[in-house]
N, C-alpha and C. Protein backbone atom coordinates (compact mmCIF):
# COMPACT_ATOMS: atom_id res chain seq x y z
N MET A 1 -38.69 17.91 28.08
CA MET A 1 -38.23 16.43 28.70
C MET A 1 -37.88 16.76 30.20
N SER A 2 -38.24 15.69 31.08
CA SER A 2 -37.31 15.83 32.88
C SER A 2 -36.47 15.14 32.64
N SER A 3 -35.61 15.88 33.44
CA SER A 3 -34.05 15.65 33.41
C SER A 3 -34.34 13.99 34.16
N SER A 4 -35.19 14.04 35.05
CA SER A 4 -35.32 12.15 35.43
C SER A 4 -36.13 11.30 34.53
N LEU A 5 -36.54 11.50 34.03
CA LEU A 5 -36.62 10.65 32.98
C LEU A 5 -35.80 9.78 32.00
N PHE A 6 -35.15 11.00 31.88
CA PHE A 6 -33.60 10.90 30.62
C PHE A 6 -32.45 11.83 31.15
N PRO A 7 -31.84 10.94 31.97
CA PRO A 7 -30.70 11.57 32.19
C PRO A 7 -29.90 11.56 31.19
N LEU A 8 -28.73 13.05 31.54
CA LEU A 8 -28.07 13.58 30.56
C LEU A 8 -27.06 12.59 29.94
N THR A 9 -26.60 11.85 30.86
CA THR A 9 -25.36 11.16 30.60
C THR A 9 -25.97 9.99 29.56
N THR A 10 -27.01 9.61 29.49
CA THR A 10 -27.59 8.52 28.76
C THR A 10 -27.66 9.22 27.19
N TRP A 11 -27.85 10.36 27.35
CA TRP A 11 -27.69 10.80 25.87
C TRP A 11 -26.62 11.07 24.88
N HIS A 12 -25.21 10.78 25.98
CA HIS A 12 -23.73 11.22 25.71
C HIS A 12 -22.54 9.96 25.82
N ARG A 13 -23.61 9.05 26.06
CA ARG A 13 -23.14 7.11 25.81
C ARG A 13 -22.45 7.23 24.17
N PRO A 14 -21.79 6.71 24.02
CA PRO A 14 -20.80 6.51 23.11
C PRO A 14 -21.93 5.72 22.26
N LEU A 15 -22.08 5.56 21.06
CA LEU A 15 -22.96 3.72 20.22
C LEU A 15 -22.60 3.13 20.34
N SER A 16 -20.86 2.84 20.28
CA SER A 16 -21.06 1.46 20.36
C SER A 16 -21.47 0.59 22.27
N VAL A 17 -21.09 1.69 23.12
CA VAL A 17 -21.63 1.53 24.67
C VAL A 17 -23.65 1.21 24.52
N ILE A 18 -23.76 1.94 23.94
CA ILE A 18 -25.38 1.60 23.41
C ILE A 18 -25.51 0.43 22.73
N LYS A 19 -24.67 -0.07 22.22
CA LYS A 19 -25.10 -1.26 20.97
C LYS A 19 -24.67 -2.51 22.08
N HIS A 20 -23.50 -2.43 22.79
CA HIS A 20 -23.48 -3.36 23.50
C HIS A 20 -24.12 -4.03 24.81
N LEU A 21 -24.64 -2.91 25.25
CA LEU A 21 -25.97 -2.85 26.56
C LEU A 21 -27.21 -3.57 26.08
N THR A 22 -27.75 -3.33 24.27
CA THR A 22 -28.61 -3.28 23.88
C THR A 22 -28.38 -5.28 23.72
N ARG A 23 -27.28 -5.68 23.14
CA ARG A 23 -27.29 -7.21 23.25
C ARG A 23 -26.92 -7.59 24.00
N LYS A 24 -26.26 -6.62 25.44
CA LYS A 24 -26.44 -7.77 26.77
C LYS A 24 -27.71 -8.23 27.06
N MET A 25 -28.53 -6.58 27.02
CA MET A 25 -30.07 -7.03 27.51
C MET A 25 -30.77 -7.77 26.76
N ALA A 26 -30.44 -7.99 25.63
CA ALA A 26 -31.47 -8.85 24.83
C ALA A 26 -31.08 -10.67 24.96
N THR A 27 -29.88 -10.80 25.36
CA THR A 27 -29.30 -12.08 25.44
C THR A 27 -29.40 -12.58 26.65
N GLU A 28 -29.65 -11.71 28.05
CA GLU A 28 -30.04 -11.85 29.31
C GLU A 28 -31.97 -12.13 29.08
N ALA A 29 -32.63 -11.68 27.97
CA ALA A 29 -33.88 -11.64 27.90
C ALA A 29 -34.13 -13.00 27.51
N ASN A 30 -33.49 -13.30 26.36
CA ASN A 30 -33.51 -14.79 25.65
C ASN A 30 -32.45 -15.22 25.31
N PRO A 31 -31.49 -16.13 25.72
CA PRO A 31 -30.37 -16.67 26.25
C PRO A 31 -30.01 -17.48 24.54
N ALA A 32 -31.50 -17.91 24.02
CA ALA A 32 -31.29 -19.11 23.00
C ALA A 32 -30.93 -18.21 21.77
N SER A 33 -31.50 -16.76 21.64
CA SER A 33 -30.75 -15.84 20.99
C SER A 33 -29.16 -15.34 20.80
N ALA A 34 -28.60 -15.93 21.77
CA ALA A 34 -27.04 -15.64 21.77
C ALA A 34 -26.34 -16.19 20.73
N PRO A 35 -25.76 -15.74 20.22
CA PRO A 35 -24.81 -16.56 18.80
C PRO A 35 -23.81 -17.47 19.56
N ALA A 36 -24.29 -18.49 19.29
CA ALA A 36 -23.07 -19.78 19.65
C ALA A 36 -21.54 -19.80 19.28
N PRO A 37 -20.57 -19.55 20.34
CA PRO A 37 -19.37 -19.45 20.17
C PRO A 37 -18.16 -20.25 19.03
N TRP A 38 -17.54 -19.82 18.38
CA TRP A 38 -16.92 -20.50 16.88
C TRP A 38 -16.62 -21.83 17.24
N TYR A 39 -16.64 -22.00 18.10
CA TYR A 39 -15.64 -23.44 18.95
C TYR A 39 -16.97 -24.42 18.50
N ALA A 40 -18.16 -24.28 19.12
CA ALA A 40 -19.33 -25.02 19.18
C ALA A 40 -19.95 -25.55 17.56
N ALA A 41 -19.20 -25.19 16.63
CA ALA A 41 -19.28 -25.58 15.41
C ALA A 41 -18.21 -27.15 15.02
N PHE A 42 -17.16 -27.21 16.17
CA PHE A 42 -16.67 -28.35 15.99
C PHE A 42 -16.67 -29.25 17.09
N PRO A 43 -16.16 -30.62 17.30
CA PRO A 43 -16.34 -31.59 18.31
C PRO A 43 -15.06 -31.07 19.24
N PRO A 44 -15.33 -31.32 20.84
CA PRO A 44 -14.39 -30.94 21.10
C PRO A 44 -13.33 -32.02 21.30
N PRO A 45 -12.06 -31.26 21.78
CA PRO A 45 -11.22 -32.21 21.69
C PRO A 45 -11.41 -33.76 22.76
N LYS A 46 -11.06 -34.72 22.32
CA LYS A 46 -11.05 -35.72 23.58
C LYS A 46 -9.78 -35.74 24.20
N THR A 47 -8.62 -35.40 24.04
CA THR A 47 -7.53 -34.86 24.83
C THR A 47 -7.73 -34.20 25.72
N SER A 48 -7.70 -34.47 27.06
CA SER A 48 -7.82 -33.56 28.28
C SER A 48 -7.58 -33.83 29.44
N PRO A 49 -6.44 -33.46 30.19
CA PRO A 49 -6.24 -31.82 29.90
C PRO A 49 -4.93 -32.06 28.86
N VAL A 50 -4.47 -30.88 27.99
CA VAL A 50 -4.03 -31.12 27.37
C VAL A 50 -2.30 -31.12 27.71
N ALA A 51 -0.98 -31.18 27.00
CA ALA A 51 -0.05 -31.57 27.43
C ALA A 51 0.32 -29.92 27.75
N THR A 52 0.96 -29.13 28.23
CA THR A 52 2.23 -27.60 28.38
C THR A 52 3.12 -27.80 28.50
N ILE A 53 3.91 -26.36 28.19
CA ILE A 53 5.32 -26.32 28.37
C ILE A 53 5.65 -25.08 28.63
N PRO A 54 6.17 -24.80 29.96
CA PRO A 54 6.73 -23.82 30.46
C PRO A 54 7.37 -22.64 29.46
N ARG A 55 7.05 -21.33 29.67
CA ARG A 55 7.42 -20.42 28.53
C ARG A 55 9.28 -20.48 29.01
N GLU A 56 9.59 -20.93 30.50
CA GLU A 56 11.07 -20.82 30.35
C GLU A 56 12.14 -21.88 29.45
N GLU A 57 11.05 -23.10 29.00
CA GLU A 57 11.64 -24.37 28.08
C GLU A 57 11.46 -23.77 26.55
N VAL A 58 10.45 -23.05 26.40
CA VAL A 58 10.41 -22.16 24.96
C VAL A 58 11.38 -21.28 24.66
N LEU A 59 11.73 -20.36 25.80
CA LEU A 59 12.93 -19.48 25.68
C LEU A 59 14.15 -20.44 25.25
N ALA A 60 14.52 -21.50 25.76
CA ALA A 60 15.75 -22.31 26.12
C ALA A 60 16.03 -22.46 24.82
N MET A 61 14.42 -23.16 23.49
CA MET A 61 14.68 -23.66 22.53
C MET A 61 15.05 -22.81 21.71
N LEU A 62 14.09 -21.55 21.94
CA LEU A 62 14.74 -20.76 20.85
C LEU A 62 16.49 -19.77 21.01
N LYS A 63 16.61 -19.84 22.23
CA LYS A 63 18.21 -19.46 22.54
C LYS A 63 19.46 -20.58 21.64
N ASP A 64 18.65 -22.05 21.65
CA ASP A 64 19.70 -23.17 21.61
C ASP A 64 19.76 -22.79 20.06
N GLU A 65 20.86 -23.04 19.61
CA GLU A 65 21.21 -22.61 18.15
C GLU A 65 21.36 -24.07 17.15
N ASN A 66 21.38 -25.03 18.29
CA ASN A 66 21.25 -26.22 17.49
C ASN A 66 19.58 -27.08 17.56
N LEU A 67 18.44 -26.12 17.44
CA LEU A 67 16.97 -25.97 17.49
C LEU A 67 16.93 -25.44 16.41
N VAL A 68 15.84 -25.59 15.54
CA VAL A 68 15.48 -24.22 14.58
C VAL A 68 14.19 -24.75 14.39
N SER A 69 13.84 -23.48 14.53
CA SER A 69 12.23 -23.06 14.06
C SER A 69 11.76 -23.53 13.29
N GLY A 70 10.96 -23.90 13.00
CA GLY A 70 10.13 -24.74 11.66
C GLY A 70 10.56 -26.44 11.58
N LYS A 71 11.60 -26.66 12.01
CA LYS A 71 12.30 -27.79 11.66
C LYS A 71 11.61 -28.53 13.10
N ASN A 72 13.07 -28.49 13.78
CA ASN A 72 12.40 -29.22 15.23
C ASN A 72 11.13 -28.50 15.94
N TYR A 73 10.24 -27.25 16.16
CA TYR A 73 9.78 -27.35 16.91
C TYR A 73 8.94 -26.18 16.12
N VAL A 74 7.79 -25.99 15.99
CA VAL A 74 6.57 -24.91 15.30
C VAL A 74 5.97 -24.23 16.45
N LEU A 75 6.01 -22.80 16.30
CA LEU A 75 5.34 -22.28 17.80
C LEU A 75 3.89 -21.40 16.79
N VAL A 76 3.14 -21.77 17.54
CA VAL A 76 1.86 -21.53 16.65
C VAL A 76 0.89 -20.43 17.37
N ASP A 77 0.48 -19.48 16.64
CA ASP A 77 -0.33 -18.00 17.38
C ASP A 77 -1.32 -18.22 16.37
N LEU A 78 -2.67 -18.43 17.27
CA LEU A 78 -4.08 -18.77 17.08
C LEU A 78 -4.73 -17.24 17.44
N ARG A 79 -4.07 -16.56 17.50
CA ARG A 79 -4.67 -15.17 17.66
C ARG A 79 -5.74 -14.89 16.27
N ARG A 80 -6.41 -14.09 16.40
CA ARG A 80 -6.59 -13.79 15.33
C ARG A 80 -7.08 -12.22 14.90
N THR A 81 -8.46 -12.01 15.40
CA THR A 81 -8.76 -10.00 15.66
C THR A 81 -7.69 -9.35 16.64
N ASP A 82 -7.29 -10.34 17.68
CA ASP A 82 -6.53 -9.66 18.73
C ASP A 82 -5.25 -10.33 18.71
N PHE A 83 -4.71 -10.22 17.34
CA PHE A 83 -3.23 -10.34 16.77
C PHE A 83 -2.65 -8.87 16.90
N GLU A 84 -2.42 -8.60 18.28
CA GLU A 84 -1.79 -7.49 18.22
C GLU A 84 -0.63 -7.36 19.43
N GLY A 85 0.47 -6.08 19.46
CA GLY A 85 0.91 -6.14 20.55
C GLY A 85 2.55 -7.01 20.28
N GLY A 86 2.31 -8.37 19.12
CA GLY A 86 3.76 -8.79 18.74
C GLY A 86 3.64 -10.27 18.67
N THR A 87 4.55 -11.10 18.39
CA THR A 87 4.64 -12.23 18.71
C THR A 87 5.92 -13.15 18.97
N ILE A 88 5.73 -14.33 19.55
CA ILE A 88 7.29 -14.97 20.14
C ILE A 88 7.92 -15.02 18.28
N ARG A 89 9.03 -15.09 18.11
CA ARG A 89 9.85 -14.70 17.30
C ARG A 89 9.66 -16.28 16.43
N GLY A 90 9.18 -16.14 15.36
CA GLY A 90 9.30 -17.07 14.35
C GLY A 90 8.06 -18.10 14.45
N SER A 91 7.36 -17.52 15.26
CA SER A 91 5.97 -18.29 15.32
C SER A 91 5.08 -17.69 13.95
N ILE A 92 3.92 -18.83 13.11
CA ILE A 92 3.36 -18.95 12.37
C ILE A 92 1.92 -18.30 12.84
N ASN A 93 1.26 -17.61 12.14
CA ASN A 93 -0.19 -17.21 12.59
C ASN A 93 -1.35 -18.07 11.94
N LEU A 94 -1.77 -19.09 12.22
CA LEU A 94 -2.84 -19.85 12.11
C LEU A 94 -4.24 -19.43 12.76
N PRO A 95 -4.91 -18.48 12.45
CA PRO A 95 -6.00 -18.58 13.42
C PRO A 95 -6.91 -19.73 14.37
N ALA A 96 -7.35 -19.61 15.24
CA ALA A 96 -8.11 -20.77 16.07
C ALA A 96 -9.33 -21.19 15.13
N GLN A 97 -10.17 -19.99 14.70
CA GLN A 97 -11.35 -20.21 14.23
C GLN A 97 -11.29 -21.32 12.64
N SER A 98 -10.02 -21.12 11.94
CA SER A 98 -10.49 -21.99 10.88
C SER A 98 -9.16 -23.52 11.13
N PHE A 99 -8.35 -23.34 12.11
CA PHE A 99 -7.72 -24.25 12.37
C PHE A 99 -8.38 -25.89 12.11
N TYR A 100 -9.16 -26.05 12.72
CA TYR A 100 -10.23 -27.52 12.71
C TYR A 100 -9.96 -27.80 11.47
N THR A 101 -10.75 -27.03 10.48
CA THR A 101 -10.79 -27.62 9.31
C THR A 101 -9.83 -27.87 8.26
N THR A 102 -8.64 -26.96 8.77
CA THR A 102 -7.19 -27.57 7.94
C THR A 102 -5.93 -28.16 8.77
N LEU A 103 -7.11 -29.14 9.53
CA LEU A 103 -5.80 -29.79 10.57
C LEU A 103 -5.29 -30.90 9.96
N PRO A 104 -5.90 -31.55 9.20
CA PRO A 104 -4.93 -32.77 8.05
C PRO A 104 -4.26 -32.27 7.72
N THR A 105 -4.10 -31.06 7.20
CA THR A 105 -3.53 -30.55 5.88
C THR A 105 -1.89 -29.80 6.67
N VAL A 106 -2.34 -29.20 7.64
CA VAL A 106 -1.51 -28.74 8.64
C VAL A 106 -0.56 -29.47 9.26
N TYR A 107 -0.82 -30.56 9.85
CA TYR A 107 -0.10 -32.25 10.40
C TYR A 107 0.88 -32.64 9.24
N SER A 108 0.01 -32.55 8.12
CA SER A 108 0.98 -33.06 6.83
C SER A 108 2.42 -32.88 6.42
N LEU A 109 1.86 -31.04 6.95
CA LEU A 109 2.76 -30.17 6.38
C LEU A 109 3.69 -30.38 7.64
N PHE A 110 3.60 -30.48 9.15
CA PHE A 110 4.26 -30.64 10.05
C PHE A 110 5.07 -31.85 10.06
N LYS A 111 4.61 -33.21 9.76
CA LYS A 111 4.79 -34.55 9.73
C LYS A 111 6.28 -34.28 8.63
N ALA A 112 5.70 -33.67 7.54
CA ALA A 112 6.97 -34.00 5.86
C ALA A 112 7.85 -32.60 6.41
N SER A 113 7.93 -31.89 7.67
CA SER A 113 9.19 -31.07 7.56
C SER A 113 9.79 -31.71 8.94
N GLY A 114 9.41 -32.89 9.48
CA GLY A 114 10.12 -33.21 10.37
C GLY A 114 10.12 -32.81 11.95
N VAL A 115 8.72 -32.09 11.91
CA VAL A 115 8.69 -31.12 13.55
C VAL A 115 8.60 -32.30 14.73
N LYS A 116 8.78 -32.11 15.34
CA LYS A 116 8.92 -32.70 16.49
C LYS A 116 8.04 -32.24 17.82
N GLN A 117 7.73 -30.91 17.71
CA GLN A 117 6.68 -30.15 18.58
C GLN A 117 6.33 -28.89 18.57
N VAL A 118 4.65 -28.96 18.50
CA VAL A 118 4.32 -27.93 17.81
C VAL A 118 3.50 -27.18 19.16
N ILE A 119 3.82 -26.08 19.03
CA ILE A 119 3.59 -25.26 20.34
C ILE A 119 2.16 -24.27 20.19
N PHE A 120 1.61 -24.10 20.81
CA PHE A 120 0.05 -23.62 20.63
C PHE A 120 0.14 -22.40 21.60
N TYR A 121 0.07 -21.23 21.16
CA TYR A 121 -0.98 -20.22 22.32
C TYR A 121 -1.58 -19.13 21.75
N CYS A 122 -2.00 -18.33 22.55
CA CYS A 122 -3.56 -17.47 22.55
C CYS A 122 -2.94 -16.73 23.31
N GLY A 123 -4.14 -15.66 24.03
CA GLY A 123 -3.34 -14.89 25.03
C GLY A 123 -3.32 -14.97 26.44
N SER A 124 -3.92 -16.49 26.73
CA SER A 124 -3.91 -17.04 27.84
C SER A 124 -3.62 -18.55 27.45
N SER A 125 -3.54 -19.30 26.27
CA SER A 125 -3.45 -20.24 26.28
C SER A 125 -4.45 -21.52 27.09
N ARG A 126 -5.66 -20.77 27.20
CA ARG A 126 -6.54 -21.46 28.37
C ARG A 126 -7.66 -21.80 27.50
N GLY A 127 -8.03 -21.12 26.69
CA GLY A 127 -9.28 -21.32 25.62
C GLY A 127 -8.92 -21.90 23.73
N ARG A 128 -8.68 -20.93 23.04
CA ARG A 128 -8.31 -21.20 21.62
C ARG A 128 -6.62 -22.21 22.07
N GLY A 129 -5.29 -22.04 22.81
CA GLY A 129 -4.69 -22.74 22.50
C GLY A 129 -4.76 -24.02 23.28
N SER A 130 -5.70 -24.44 24.33
CA SER A 130 -5.84 -25.56 24.51
C SER A 130 -6.79 -26.42 23.91
N ARG A 131 -7.57 -25.75 23.14
CA ARG A 131 -8.51 -26.57 21.89
C ARG A 131 -7.73 -27.14 20.88
N ALA A 132 -6.87 -25.98 20.58
CA ALA A 132 -5.90 -26.50 19.26
C ALA A 132 -5.05 -27.45 19.50
N THR A 133 -4.29 -27.28 20.71
CA THR A 133 -3.77 -28.48 21.47
C THR A 133 -4.28 -29.96 21.48
N GLY A 134 -5.71 -29.73 21.74
CA GLY A 134 -5.77 -30.85 21.90
C GLY A 134 -6.35 -31.65 21.08
N TRP A 135 -6.97 -31.08 19.63
CA TRP A 135 -7.00 -31.00 18.43
C TRP A 135 -6.17 -31.90 17.85
N LEU A 136 -5.03 -31.34 17.57
CA LEU A 136 -3.74 -32.01 17.10
C LEU A 136 -3.09 -32.73 17.72
N ALA A 137 -3.15 -33.19 19.23
CA ALA A 137 -2.74 -33.92 19.88
C ALA A 137 -3.67 -35.29 19.43
N ASP A 138 -5.00 -34.99 19.49
CA ASP A 138 -6.29 -36.25 19.01
C ASP A 138 -5.61 -36.72 17.87
N HIS A 139 -5.56 -35.70 16.49
CA HIS A 139 -5.04 -36.52 15.10
C HIS A 139 -3.94 -37.11 15.12
N ILE A 140 -2.68 -36.76 15.83
CA ILE A 140 -1.69 -37.30 16.03
C ILE A 140 -1.72 -38.75 16.72
N ALA A 141 -2.81 -39.02 17.45
CA ALA A 141 -2.66 -39.89 17.98
C ALA A 141 -3.71 -40.76 17.02
N SER A 142 -4.43 -40.47 16.20
CA SER A 142 -5.10 -41.21 15.23
C SER A 142 -3.99 -41.42 13.91
N GLU A 143 -3.32 -41.09 13.80
CA GLU A 143 -2.41 -41.24 12.97
C GLU A 143 -1.27 -42.23 13.70
N GLY A 144 -1.07 -42.70 14.64
CA GLY A 144 -0.34 -43.71 15.39
C GLY A 144 0.88 -42.90 15.53
N ASP A 145 1.13 -41.53 15.38
CA ASP A 145 2.43 -41.19 15.37
C ASP A 145 2.69 -41.02 16.82
N THR A 146 3.95 -41.06 16.84
CA THR A 146 4.75 -41.47 18.44
C THR A 146 6.15 -40.18 17.89
N SER A 147 6.31 -39.21 17.09
CA SER A 147 7.24 -38.45 17.14
C SER A 147 6.93 -37.49 17.06
N MET A 148 5.73 -36.75 17.03
CA MET A 148 5.09 -35.18 17.30
C MET A 148 4.11 -35.57 18.53
N THR A 149 5.03 -34.04 19.34
CA THR A 149 3.67 -33.39 20.32
C THR A 149 3.25 -32.37 20.47
N SER A 150 2.11 -32.09 20.70
CA SER A 150 1.32 -30.98 20.99
C SER A 150 1.22 -30.76 22.36
N LEU A 151 1.58 -29.31 22.65
CA LEU A 151 1.79 -28.77 23.69
C LEU A 151 1.17 -27.04 23.50
N ALA A 152 0.70 -26.43 24.59
CA ALA A 152 0.12 -25.19 24.90
C ALA A 152 1.22 -24.63 25.91
N LEU A 153 1.59 -23.58 25.54
CA LEU A 153 2.27 -22.69 25.84
C LEU A 153 1.62 -21.97 26.78
N GLU A 154 2.54 -22.26 28.20
CA GLU A 154 2.04 -21.95 29.83
C GLU A 154 1.82 -20.17 29.49
N GLY A 155 0.54 -19.98 29.97
CA GLY A 155 0.28 -18.48 30.25
C GLY A 155 -0.22 -17.70 28.92
N GLY A 156 0.47 -18.33 27.58
CA GLY A 156 0.10 -17.88 26.30
C GLY A 156 0.58 -16.58 26.32
N ILE A 157 0.57 -15.78 24.99
CA ILE A 157 1.59 -14.90 25.49
C ILE A 157 1.59 -13.43 25.90
N LYS A 158 0.03 -13.52 26.85
CA LYS A 158 0.32 -12.41 27.70
C LYS A 158 1.19 -12.82 28.90
N GLY A 159 1.45 -14.20 29.59
CA GLY A 159 2.18 -14.69 30.19
C GLY A 159 3.70 -14.04 29.71
N TRP A 160 3.62 -14.54 28.75
CA TRP A 160 5.23 -14.55 27.72
C TRP A 160 5.47 -13.15 27.85
N ALA A 161 4.94 -11.85 27.29
CA ALA A 161 4.84 -10.49 27.60
C ALA A 161 5.29 -10.01 28.74
N GLY A 162 4.32 -10.52 29.80
CA GLY A 162 4.26 -10.26 31.13
C GLY A 162 5.45 -10.70 32.17
N ALA A 163 6.59 -11.76 31.49
CA ALA A 163 7.66 -11.99 31.84
C ALA A 163 8.87 -11.64 31.97
N GLY A 164 8.93 -10.11 31.34
CA GLY A 164 10.27 -9.37 31.66
C GLY A 164 10.69 -8.89 30.17
N GLU A 165 11.78 -8.23 30.34
CA GLU A 165 12.57 -8.07 28.72
C GLU A 165 13.38 -9.10 28.48
N GLU A 166 13.50 -10.33 29.18
CA GLU A 166 14.47 -11.47 28.60
C GLU A 166 13.55 -12.07 27.64
N TYR A 167 12.19 -11.84 27.82
CA TYR A 167 11.06 -12.60 26.79
C TYR A 167 10.71 -11.65 26.10
N VAL A 168 10.51 -9.97 26.08
CA VAL A 168 10.21 -9.20 25.28
C VAL A 168 10.89 -9.07 23.72
N LYS A 169 12.43 -9.17 24.42
CA LYS A 169 13.52 -9.23 23.29
C LYS A 169 13.44 -10.00 22.38
N TRP A 170 12.64 -11.48 22.37
CA TRP A 170 12.05 -12.56 21.63
C TRP A 170 11.24 -12.55 20.87
N MET A 171 10.60 -11.09 20.81
CA MET A 171 9.25 -10.61 19.99
C MET A 171 9.42 -9.91 19.00
N ASP A 172 8.76 -10.38 17.99
CA ASP A 172 8.81 -9.61 17.00
C ASP A 172 7.53 -8.61 16.94
N GLY A 173 7.70 -7.38 16.24
CA GLY A 173 6.51 -6.56 16.69
C GLY A 173 6.35 -5.83 17.79
N TYR A 174 6.69 -6.13 18.97
CA TYR A 174 6.21 -5.81 20.70
C TYR A 174 6.18 -4.54 20.24
N ASP A 175 4.97 -4.37 20.76
CA ASP A 175 4.37 -2.80 21.29
C ASP A 175 3.83 -2.70 22.87
N ALA A 176 4.93 -1.98 23.25
CA ALA A 176 4.52 -1.97 25.00
C ALA A 176 3.33 -1.73 25.60
N ALA A 177 2.84 -0.68 24.48
CA ALA A 177 1.54 0.39 24.98
C ALA A 177 0.68 -0.93 24.90
N VAL A 178 0.27 -2.13 24.09
CA VAL A 178 -0.63 -2.51 24.25
C VAL A 178 -0.56 -3.97 25.10
N TRP A 179 0.32 -3.97 25.85
CA TRP A 179 0.87 -5.24 27.12
C TRP A 179 0.27 -3.97 28.65
N THR A 180 1.11 -3.19 28.24
CA THR A 180 0.40 -2.26 29.14
C THR A 180 -1.00 -1.82 29.74
N GLN A 181 -1.43 -1.57 28.24
CA GLN A 181 -3.38 -1.53 28.27
C GLN A 181 -4.01 -3.14 29.20
N ALA A 182 -3.09 -4.08 28.56
CA ALA A 182 -3.95 -5.34 28.86
C ALA A 182 -3.78 -5.60 30.34
N SER A 183 -2.58 -5.03 30.67
CA SER A 183 -2.48 -5.53 32.04
C SER A 183 -3.00 -4.37 33.35
N GLU A 184 -3.60 -3.43 32.67
CA GLU A 184 -4.56 -2.59 33.59
C GLU A 184 -5.97 -2.93 34.05
């Protein structure tokens, strides 16, 4: 074999890189063959833009002994396969990919518990976070409920973990190595 036809580096690429490049080339050649994103199976939220809450306000809620997570507010971590590096203390994990189909039940549970604020987050709160926030806001409006609000955490978990020690000490399962890699 001629080294000019088959460079040595091609033969030493990891299989995962080769598979990724093959899928990418196939998708570019025929965009119709690209799989639809998970959220394409559901209607887009009507509520747009969604209401947000700054991390400083969420931190103050966590510190406030008069507020109870799961009663006054609920933090919902929407990550599924990227659920690593820790989560904000007191959060529940409801992956975004299954949230829409369980929305009426989730709303009923929150309503029965007297929850006033539902705060969603994912990595950045711009994709999954804003969708789930919008879907719940739409459902709250359709119920005529004025006592519950749906909010997205500004900056998501990446913003929270990157905001410093005051924030990471309020994370369960915090792994600094994950967040160091994420910022590189």
